[in-house]
Amino acid sequence: MHPRPLVPALALTALASLSLGIAPAPAADDDSARADLLKAYRATVKYQSVERAVADGYKPMRGCIARPEGGMGYHYVNKALNNSTDPAKPSALMYEDTKRGKRLIGIEFFVEDRDQNVSTDDDRPAMFGQPFLGPTAGVEAGVPVHYDLHVWLYKHNPKGMFTEWNPRVRCPGKA
């Protein structure tokens, strides 16, 4: 079987899962949100290879991120794509470890808060019919106050496709 037919099949499966209610349906214009999700999928499916992600400018950030309520995995960040709300240009790719290496599980968008004040949110972005979370302070020195949106395109999140933490993601050595 030639590998190219697999990509459209997987994209249709991902979009079908939205229609079936496996993840919360986009809140805004459903057709537009689904089209944007398909655009994000088509643009990021090549990053199943973490080597391809690194070659395209995504750099590993910190270790595996997890909390008792779930995990996010390993983030590979391309800071040049911060502030993008183009579905084809996520700021971060999220991976988990498998026996065969890293596996792409989701994408993340990161938009800096215009006034850097966590008590105001008049510039909150939205994508896929979903408002971004935040504004929140950076998790480490040098990270500005920002909004973010996690999209679990490649690993089902029983709490929803746009929920920050995925209870099915675990990090080695962490609960």
C-alpha atoms as a PDB file:
ATOM      1  CA  MET A   1       0.000   0.000   0.000  1.00  0.00           C
ATOM      2  CA  HIS A   2       1.305   3.399  -0.959  1.00  0.00           C
ATOM      3  CA  PRO A   3       1.641   5.643   2.176  1.00  0.00           C
ATOM      4  CA  ARG A   4       0.002   8.755   0.669  1.00  0.00           C
ATOM      5  CA  PRO A   5      -3.607   7.459   0.803  1.00  0.00           C
ATOM      6  CA  LEU A   6      -3.157   6.945   4.542  1.00  0.00           C
ATOM      7  CA  VAL A   7      -2.860  10.692   5.250  1.00  0.00           C
ATOM      8  CA  PRO A   8      -6.299  11.665   3.879  1.00  0.00           C
ATOM      9  CA  ALA A   9      -7.821   8.610   5.539  1.00  0.00           C
ATOM     10  CA  LEU A  10      -6.406   9.602   8.904  1.00  0.00           C
ATOM     11  CA  ALA A  11      -7.549  13.188   8.436  1.00  0.00           C
ATOM     12  CA  LEU A  12     -11.075  12.049   7.642  1.00  0.00           C
ATOM     13  CA  THR A  13     -11.026   9.769  10.674  1.00  0.00           C
ATOM     14  CA  ALA A  14      -9.930  12.647  12.908  1.00  0.00           C
ATOM     15  CA  LEU A  15     -12.687  14.875  11.576  1.00  0.00           C
ATOM     16  CA  ALA A  16     -15.240  12.073  11.827  1.00  0.00           C
ATOM     17  CA  SER A  17     -14.400  11.709  15.508  1.00  0.00           C
ATOM     18  CA  LEU A  18     -15.386  15.346  15.971  1.00  0.00           C
ATOM     19  CA  SER A  19     -18.705  14.696  14.270  1.00  0.00           C
ATOM     20  CA  LEU A  20     -19.388  11.687  16.467  1.00  0.00           C
ATOM     21  CA  GLY A  21     -18.894  13.654  19.640  1.00  0.00           C
ATOM     22  CA  ILE A  22     -15.706  11.899  20.759  1.00  0.00           C
ATOM     23  CA  ALA A  23     -14.334  15.363  21.440  1.00  0.00           C
ATOM     24  CA  PRO A  24     -16.381  18.482  22.099  1.00  0.00           C
ATOM     25  CA  ALA A  25     -17.587  19.971  18.852  1.00  0.00           C
ATOM     26  CA  PRO A  26     -16.157  23.370  18.003  1.00  0.00           C
ATOM     27  CA  ALA A  27     -18.331  26.104  19.506  1.00  0.00           C
ATOM     28  CA  ALA A  28     -18.239  28.660  16.698  1.00  0.00           C
ATOM     29  CA  ASP A  29     -18.860  28.085  13.003  1.00  0.00           C
ATOM     30  CA  ASP A  30     -18.551  24.280  12.909  1.00  0.00           C
ATOM     31  CA  ASP A  31     -17.623  24.063   9.217  1.00  0.00           C
ATOM     32  CA  SER A  32     -14.909  26.681   9.602  1.00  0.00           C
ATOM     33  CA  ALA A  33     -13.548  25.074  12.785  1.00  0.00           C
ATOM     34  CA  ARG A  34     -13.478  21.623  11.176  1.00  0.00           C
ATOM     35  CA  ALA A  35     -11.755  23.025   8.089  1.00  0.00           C
ATOM     36  CA  ASP A  36      -9.137  24.662  10.339  1.00  0.00           C
ATOM     37  CA  LEU A  37      -8.622  21.393  12.250  1.00  0.00           C
ATOM     38  CA  LEU A  38      -8.071  19.579   8.960  1.00  0.00           C
ATOM     39  CA  LYS A  39      -5.590  22.296   7.939  1.00  0.00           C
ATOM     40  CA  ALA A  40      -3.726  21.834  11.238  1.00  0.00           C
ATOM     41  CA  TYR A  41      -3.698  18.066  10.787  1.00  0.00           C
ATOM     42  CA  ARG A  42      -2.405  18.238   7.205  1.00  0.00           C
ATOM     43  CA  ALA A  43       0.337  20.700   8.211  1.00  0.00           C
ATOM     44  CA  THR A  44       1.541  18.718  11.229  1.00  0.00           C
ATOM     45  CA  VAL A  45       1.178  15.061  10.258  1.00  0.00           C
ATOM     46  CA  LYS A  46       4.746  15.215   8.911  1.00  0.00           C
ATOM     47  CA  TYR A  47       5.893  15.795  12.494  1.00  0.00           C
ATOM     48  CA  GLN A  48       5.185  12.191  13.412  1.00  0.00           C
ATOM     49  CA  SER A  49       8.947  12.217  12.904  1.00  0.00           C
ATOM     50  CA  VAL A  50      10.501  14.245  15.720  1.00  0.00           C
ATOM     51  CA  GLU A  51      13.618  14.531  13.536  1.00  0.00           C
ATOM     52  CA  ARG A  52      11.543  16.347  10.905  1.00  0.00           C
ATOM     53  CA  ALA A  53      10.212  18.694  13.595  1.00  0.00           C
ATOM     54  CA  VAL A  54      13.747  19.520  14.745  1.00  0.00           C
ATOM     55  CA  ALA A  55      14.853  20.066  11.144  1.00  0.00           C
ATOM     56  CA  ASP A  56      11.960  22.526  10.730  1.00  0.00           C
ATOM     57  CA  GLY A  57      13.007  24.583  13.781  1.00  0.00           C
ATOM     58  CA  TYR A  58      11.182  22.942  16.700  1.00  0.00           C
ATOM     59  CA  LYS A  59      13.486  22.642  19.729  1.00  0.00           C
ATOM     60  CA  PRO A  60      12.907  20.496  22.842  1.00  0.00           C
ATOM     61  CA  MET A  61      11.753  22.489  25.885  1.00  0.00           C
ATOM     62  CA  ARG A  62      12.167  21.122  29.410  1.00  0.00           C
ATOM     63  CA  GLY A  63      11.409  17.499  30.147  1.00  0.00           C
ATOM     64  CA  CYS A  64       8.147  15.644  30.068  1.00  0.00           C
ATOM     65  CA  ILE A  65       5.342  17.714  31.643  1.00  0.00           C
ATOM     66  CA  ALA A  66       2.802  15.966  33.877  1.00  0.00           C
ATOM     67  CA  ARG A  67       0.588  16.588  36.890  1.00  0.00           C
ATOM     68  CA  PRO A  68      -1.670  14.227  38.825  1.00  0.00           C
ATOM     69  CA  GLU A  69      -4.607  15.221  36.567  1.00  0.00           C
ATOM     70  CA  GLY A  70      -2.709  14.254  33.420  1.00  0.00           C
ATOM     71  CA  GLY A  71       0.154  15.178  31.184  1.00  0.00           C
ATOM     72  CA  MET A  72       1.189  17.168  28.156  1.00  0.00           C
ATOM     73  CA  GLY A  73       4.290  15.183  27.289  1.00  0.00           C
ATOM     74  CA  TYR A  74       7.424  16.668  25.776  1.00  0.00           C
ATOM     75  CA  HIS A  75       7.111  20.063  24.104  1.00  0.00           C
ATOM     76  CA  TYR A  76       9.102  20.925  20.998  1.00  0.00           C
ATOM     77  CA  VAL A  77       8.813  24.688  20.472  1.00  0.00           C
ATOM     78  CA  ASN A  78       9.408  26.902  17.470  1.00  0.00           C
ATOM     79  CA  LYS A  79       9.519  30.412  18.979  1.00  0.00           C
ATOM     80  CA  ALA A  80       9.344  31.962  15.509  1.00  0.00           C
ATOM     81  CA  LEU A  81       5.740  30.696  15.420  1.00  0.00           C
ATOM     82  CA  ASN A  82       4.707  32.254  18.751  1.00  0.00           C
ATOM     83  CA  ASN A  83       1.720  34.562  18.269  1.00  0.00           C
ATOM     84  CA  SER A  84       0.518  32.578  15.258  1.00  0.00           C
ATOM     85  CA  THR A  85      -3.173  31.840  14.962  1.00  0.00           C
ATOM     86  CA  ASP A  86      -2.657  30.126  11.627  1.00  0.00           C
ATOM     87  CA  PRO A  87      -3.861  26.525  12.094  1.00  0.00           C
ATOM     88  CA  ALA A  88      -0.939  25.298   9.982  1.00  0.00           C
ATOM     89  CA  LYS A  89       1.671  26.971  12.222  1.00  0.00           C
ATOM     90  CA  PRO A  90       1.489  25.778  15.837  1.00  0.00           C
ATOM     91  CA  SER A  91       4.081  27.142  18.257  1.00  0.00           C
ATOM     92  CA  ALA A  92       4.634  23.753  19.866  1.00  0.00           C
ATOM     93  CA  LEU A  93       4.353  20.062  19.144  1.00  0.00           C
ATOM     94  CA  MET A  94       3.661  17.632  22.005  1.00  0.00           C
ATOM     95  CA  TYR A  95       5.179  14.153  22.085  1.00  0.00           C
ATOM     96  CA  GLU A  96       5.164  11.117  24.355  1.00  0.00           C
ATOM     97  CA  ASP A  97       7.679   8.310  24.678  1.00  0.00           C
ATOM     98  CA  THR A  98       6.913   4.933  23.147  1.00  0.00           C
ATOM     99  CA  LYS A  99       9.029   1.824  22.668  1.00  0.00           C
ATOM    100  CA  ARG A 100       9.686   3.046  19.115  1.00  0.00           C
ATOM    101  CA  GLY A 101      10.653   6.597  20.098  1.00  0.00           C
ATOM    102  CA  LYS A 102       8.705   9.814  20.421  1.00  0.00           C
ATOM    103  CA  ARG A 103       5.117   9.898  19.132  1.00  0.00           C
ATOM    104  CA  LEU A 104       3.277  13.095  18.207  1.00  0.00           C
ATOM    105  CA  ILE A 105       0.185  13.483  20.403  1.00  0.00           C
ATOM    106  CA  GLY A 106      -0.894  17.117  20.003  1.00  0.00           C
ATOM    107  CA  ILE A 107      -0.124  20.684  19.063  1.00  0.00           C
ATOM    108  CA  GLU A 108      -0.170  23.946  20.982  1.00  0.00           C
ATOM    109  CA  PHE A 109      -0.619  27.595  20.070  1.00  0.00           C
ATOM    110  CA  PHE A 110       1.044  30.327  22.176  1.00  0.00           C
ATOM    111  CA  VAL A 111       0.084  34.010  21.931  1.00  0.00           C
ATOM    112  CA  GLU A 112       1.687  36.692  24.096  1.00  0.00           C
ATOM    113  CA  ASP A 113      -0.657  38.887  26.111  1.00  0.00           C
ATOM    114  CA  ARG A 114      -0.504  42.388  24.662  1.00  0.00           C
ATOM    115  CA  ASP A 115      -0.343  44.282  27.985  1.00  0.00           C
ATOM    116  CA  GLN A 116       1.456  41.542  29.995  1.00  0.00           C
ATOM    117  CA  ASN A 117      -1.178  41.877  32.734  1.00  0.00           C
ATOM    118  CA  VAL A 118      -2.788  38.634  33.949  1.00  0.00           C
ATOM    119  CA  SER A 119      -5.827  40.570  35.257  1.00  0.00           C
ATOM    120  CA  THR A 120      -6.979  41.722  31.796  1.00  0.00           C
ATOM    121  CA  ASP A 121      -8.062  39.567  28.881  1.00  0.00           C
ATOM    122  CA  ASP A 122      -9.425  41.918  26.227  1.00  0.00           C
ATOM    123  CA  ASP A 123      -7.028  40.431  23.655  1.00  0.00           C
ATOM    124  CA  ARG A 124      -7.911  36.746  24.213  1.00  0.00           C
ATOM    125  CA  PRO A 125      -7.535  34.889  20.907  1.00  0.00           C
ATOM    126  CA  ALA A 126      -9.694  31.997  19.734  1.00  0.00           C
ATOM    127  CA  MET A 127      -9.190  29.215  17.210  1.00  0.00           C
ATOM    128  CA  PHE A 128     -11.254  26.201  16.176  1.00  0.00           C
ATOM    129  CA  GLY A 129     -14.200  27.864  17.902  1.00  0.00           C
ATOM    130  CA  GLN A 130     -12.354  27.712  21.237  1.00  0.00           C
ATOM    131  CA  PRO A 131     -11.066  30.565  23.400  1.00  0.00           C
ATOM    132  CA  PHE A 132      -7.435  30.282  24.455  1.00  0.00           C
ATOM    133  CA  LEU A 133      -6.629  29.706  28.139  1.00  0.00           C
ATOM    134  CA  GLY A 134      -5.049  32.557  30.059  1.00  0.00           C
ATOM    135  CA  PRO A 135      -3.613  34.980  30.370  1.00  0.00           C
ATOM    136  CA  THR A 136      -1.082  33.175  32.530  1.00  0.00           C
ATOM    137  CA  ALA A 137       2.420  33.994  33.686  1.00  0.00           C
ATOM    138  CA  GLY A 138       5.270  32.126  32.064  1.00  0.00           C
ATOM    139  CA  VAL A 139       6.253  28.803  33.630  1.00  0.00           C
ATOM    140  CA  GLU A 140       9.924  29.734  33.659  1.00  0.00           C
ATOM    141  CA  ALA A 141      12.095  32.854  33.509  1.00  0.00           C
ATOM    142  CA  GLY A 142      11.851  34.716  30.225  1.00  0.00           C
ATOM    143  CA  VAL A 143       8.451  33.319  29.208  1.00  0.00           C
ATOM    144  CA  PRO A 144       6.002  36.219  28.876  1.00  0.00           C
ATOM    145  CA  VAL A 145       2.409  36.390  30.086  1.00  0.00           C
ATOM    146  CA  HIS A 146       0.491  34.526  27.423  1.00  0.00           C
ATOM    147  CA  TYR A 147      -2.567  32.650  26.211  1.00  0.00           C
ATOM    148  CA  ASP A 148      -2.366  29.073  24.989  1.00  0.00           C
ATOM    149  CA  LEU A 149      -4.518  26.480  23.299  1.00  0.00           C
ATOM    150  CA  HIS A 150      -3.780  22.746  23.341  1.00  0.00           C
ATOM    151  CA  VAL A 151      -5.205  20.597  20.561  1.00  0.00           C
ATOM    152  CA  TRP A 152      -5.093  16.809  21.021  1.00  0.00           C
ATOM    153  CA  LEU A 153      -5.092  15.940  17.323  1.00  0.00           C
ATOM    154  CA  TYR A 154      -3.127  12.712  17.612  1.00  0.00           C
ATOM    155  CA  LYS A 155      -4.095  11.241  21.000  1.00  0.00           C
ATOM    156  CA  HIS A 156      -7.629  11.096  22.311  1.00  0.00           C
ATOM    157  CA  ASN A 157      -8.240  13.165  25.434  1.00  0.00           C
ATOM    158  CA  PRO A 158     -11.316  11.896  27.309  1.00  0.00           C
ATOM    159  CA  LYS A 159     -11.688  15.382  28.824  1.00  0.00           C
ATOM    160  CA  GLY A 160     -11.931  16.980  25.383  1.00  0.00           C
ATOM    161  CA  MET A 161      -9.832  17.813  22.360  1.00  0.00           C
ATOM    162  CA  PHE A 162      -8.981  21.307  23.678  1.00  0.00           C
ATOM    163  CA  THR A 163      -8.451  20.521  27.369  1.00  0.00           C
ATOM    164  CA  GLU A 164      -5.041  21.499  28.725  1.00  0.00           C
ATOM    165  CA  TRP A 165      -4.173  18.227  30.521  1.00  0.00           C
ATOM    166  CA  ASN A 166      -4.672  14.753  29.067  1.00  0.00           C
ATOM    167  CA  PRO A 167      -5.192  12.004  31.687  1.00  0.00           C
ATOM    168  CA  ARG A 168      -3.919   9.421  29.149  1.00  0.00           C
ATOM    169  CA  VAL A 169      -0.487  11.057  28.907  1.00  0.00           C
ATOM    170  CA  ARG A 170       2.119   9.897  31.410  1.00  0.00           C
ATOM    171  CA  CYS A 171       5.751  10.822  31.832  1.00  0.00           C
ATOM    172  CA  PRO A 172       8.489   8.361  32.743  1.00  0.00           C
ATOM    173  CA  GLY A 173       9.104   8.394  36.501  1.00  0.00           C
ATOM    174  CA  LYS A 174       6.118  10.669  37.223  1.00  0.00           C
ATOM    175  CA  ALA A 175       2.731   9.746  38.634  1.00  0.00           C
END
